[in-house]
Amino acid sequence: MTKHVTVAWDKEKDFIAVDQDGGGQVGITGPNPEGPSMGASHLVLAALGGCMGTTVIAVMQKRRKYVEAFEVDVIGEHLDDWPKTFTSVHLIYRIKGTDIDEKMMERSVWLAEERYCTVSSTLGLPSTHEIEIVSG
């Protein structure tokens, strides 16, 4: 069974997570938006996306790269039977900016996953990812 959350950056410092299965929203690094929230298992995915996302943005800012837009889709696979434990996650990073290349993004994702993201380290799930650099 699959659950899907998108975590989007607002160009300042805040990330908002949207439950793609039920439409609930939650503020990851800022205030909560109006409307329904999301269930606990979706919050786990949102926390992972927010943690990974804040690190990627921090690395880009440290390298003085202009980021126009950034979001992370977090897709979690879980068991059908209770307690419906997550078995793996797939993250899709979408970034639009100036002078950002695949190698730079791979390094940023590696730093987030292996060194800085507490949530990723705590979950310890098998994960895969892909990077989409949006031109324009």
Protein backbone atom coordinates (compact mmCIF):
# COMPACT_ATOMS: atom_id res chain seq x y z
CA MET A 1 0.00 0.00 0.00
CA THR A 2 1.23 3.51 -0.81
CA LYS A 3 1.01 6.89 0.92
CA HIS A 4 2.11 10.14 -0.73
CA VAL A 5 3.02 13.56 0.68
CA THR A 6 4.41 16.62 -1.14
CA VAL A 7 6.54 19.07 0.82
CA ALA A 8 6.96 22.48 -0.82
CA TRP A 9 9.32 25.33 0.11
CA ASP A 10 7.96 28.90 0.21
CA LYS A 11 11.22 30.67 -0.85
CA GLU A 12 11.82 31.93 2.67
CA LYS A 13 12.34 29.29 5.31
CA ASP A 14 9.03 27.48 5.63
CA PHE A 15 7.92 24.14 4.24
CA ILE A 16 4.27 23.11 3.90
CA ALA A 17 3.33 19.44 3.54
CA VAL A 18 0.24 18.33 1.62
CA ASP A 19 -1.24 14.85 1.95
CA GLN A 20 -1.79 13.78 -1.67
CA ASP A 21 -4.14 11.02 -0.53
CA GLY A 22 -6.56 13.10 1.53
CA GLY A 23 -5.70 16.76 1.04
CA GLY A 24 -4.66 17.57 4.60
CA GLN A 25 -1.89 20.13 5.17
CA VAL A 26 0.62 20.85 7.90
CA GLY A 27 3.38 23.40 8.39
CA ILE A 28 6.74 21.68 8.74
CA THR A 29 8.96 24.63 9.63
CA GLY A 30 6.33 27.34 9.96
CA PRO A 31 2.71 27.94 10.86
CA ASN A 32 -0.01 25.46 9.97
CA PRO A 33 -2.21 26.44 7.03
CA GLU A 34 -5.99 26.65 7.42
CA GLY A 35 -8.00 23.51 6.84
CA PRO A 36 -7.70 19.83 7.67
CA SER A 37 -4.45 18.29 8.89
CA MET A 38 -3.25 14.77 8.06
CA GLY A 39 -2.95 11.41 9.75
CA ALA A 40 0.04 10.25 11.75
CA SER A 41 1.58 8.04 9.06
CA HIS A 42 1.41 10.89 6.55
CA LEU A 43 3.05 13.11 9.19
CA VAL A 44 6.00 10.70 9.27
CA LEU A 45 6.47 11.15 5.52
CA ALA A 46 6.02 14.91 5.87
CA ALA A 47 8.70 15.02 8.58
CA LEU A 48 11.10 13.13 6.33
CA GLY A 49 10.44 15.45 3.38
CA GLY A 50 10.80 18.54 5.56
CA CYS A 51 14.05 17.33 7.11
CA MET A 52 15.58 16.38 3.77
CA GLY A 53 14.28 19.56 2.14
CA THR A 54 15.67 21.96 4.73
CA THR A 55 19.11 20.40 4.33
CA VAL A 56 19.05 20.60 0.52
CA ILE A 57 18.01 24.26 0.66
CA ALA A 58 20.69 25.02 3.28
CA VAL A 59 23.37 23.45 1.07
CA MET A 60 22.18 25.45 -1.96
CA GLN A 61 22.20 28.68 0.05
CA LYS A 62 25.67 27.93 1.40
CA ARG A 63 26.85 27.52 -2.20
CA ARG A 64 25.14 30.83 -3.01
CA LYS A 65 22.77 29.27 -5.52
CA TYR A 66 19.49 30.99 -6.30
CA VAL A 67 16.57 28.59 -5.83
CA GLU A 68 13.30 29.75 -7.36
CA ALA A 69 11.18 26.72 -6.45
CA PHE A 70 11.71 23.46 -4.57
CA GLU A 71 9.55 20.54 -3.52
CA VAL A 72 9.93 16.94 -2.44
CA ASP A 73 7.44 14.16 -3.13
CA VAL A 74 7.71 11.46 -0.48
CA ILE A 75 6.09 8.16 -1.40
CA GLY A 76 6.03 5.53 1.30
CA GLU A 77 5.23 1.85 0.85
CA HIS A 78 3.79 0.10 3.87
CA LEU A 79 2.46 -3.28 4.87
CA ASP A 80 -1.24 -3.98 4.40
CA ASP A 81 -1.57 -5.50 7.87
CA TRP A 82 -1.40 -3.68 11.19
CA PRO A 83 0.64 -1.90 12.35
CA LYS A 84 1.09 -1.04 8.63
CA THR A 85 4.81 -0.43 9.04
CA PHE A 86 6.57 1.51 6.28
CA THR A 87 8.89 -0.78 4.33
CA SER A 88 10.52 1.74 1.95
CA VAL A 89 10.36 5.32 0.73
CA HIS A 90 10.98 7.00 -2.60
CA LEU A 91 11.74 10.73 -2.73
CA ILE A 92 11.43 12.89 -5.83
CA TYR A 93 13.26 16.21 -5.55
CA ARG A 94 12.12 18.98 -7.91
CA ILE A 95 14.23 22.13 -8.00
CA LYS A 96 14.22 25.22 -10.17
CA GLY A 97 17.06 27.69 -9.89
CA THR A 98 20.21 29.16 -11.35
CA ASP A 99 23.35 27.11 -12.05
CA ILE A 100 22.09 23.99 -10.25
CA ASP A 101 23.21 20.69 -11.73
CA GLU A 102 22.65 17.00 -11.07
CA LYS A 103 26.01 16.48 -9.32
CA MET A 104 25.34 19.34 -6.90
CA MET A 105 21.88 18.00 -6.10
CA GLU A 106 23.18 14.44 -5.60
CA ARG A 107 25.73 15.75 -3.12
CA SER A 108 23.07 17.77 -1.28
CA VAL A 109 20.77 14.76 -1.05
CA TRP A 110 23.64 12.57 0.16
CA LEU A 111 24.53 15.09 2.89
CA ALA A 112 20.90 15.22 3.99
CA GLU A 113 20.44 11.46 4.00
CA GLU A 114 23.78 10.40 5.48
CA ARG A 115 24.80 13.28 7.75
CA TYR A 116 22.17 15.81 8.71
CA CYS A 117 18.59 14.53 8.54
CA THR A 118 17.58 13.17 11.94
CA VAL A 119 14.32 11.78 10.58
CA SER A 120 16.02 9.77 7.82
CA SER A 121 18.53 8.39 10.31
CA THR A 122 15.82 7.53 12.83
CA LEU A 123 13.56 5.77 10.32
CA GLY A 124 16.41 3.81 8.76
CA LEU A 125 14.19 2.75 5.86
CA PRO A 126 15.46 1.56 2.50
CA SER A 127 15.10 4.58 0.23
CA THR A 128 15.50 5.57 -3.38
CA HIS A 129 15.34 8.98 -4.96
CA GLU A 130 15.26 10.87 -8.20
CA ILE A 131 16.10 14.46 -9.03
CA GLU A 132 14.27 16.68 -11.47
CA ILE A 133 15.96 19.95 -12.33
CA VAL A 134 13.32 22.24 -13.82
CA SER A 135 14.56 24.72 -16.41
CA GLY A 136 13.16 28.13 -17.01
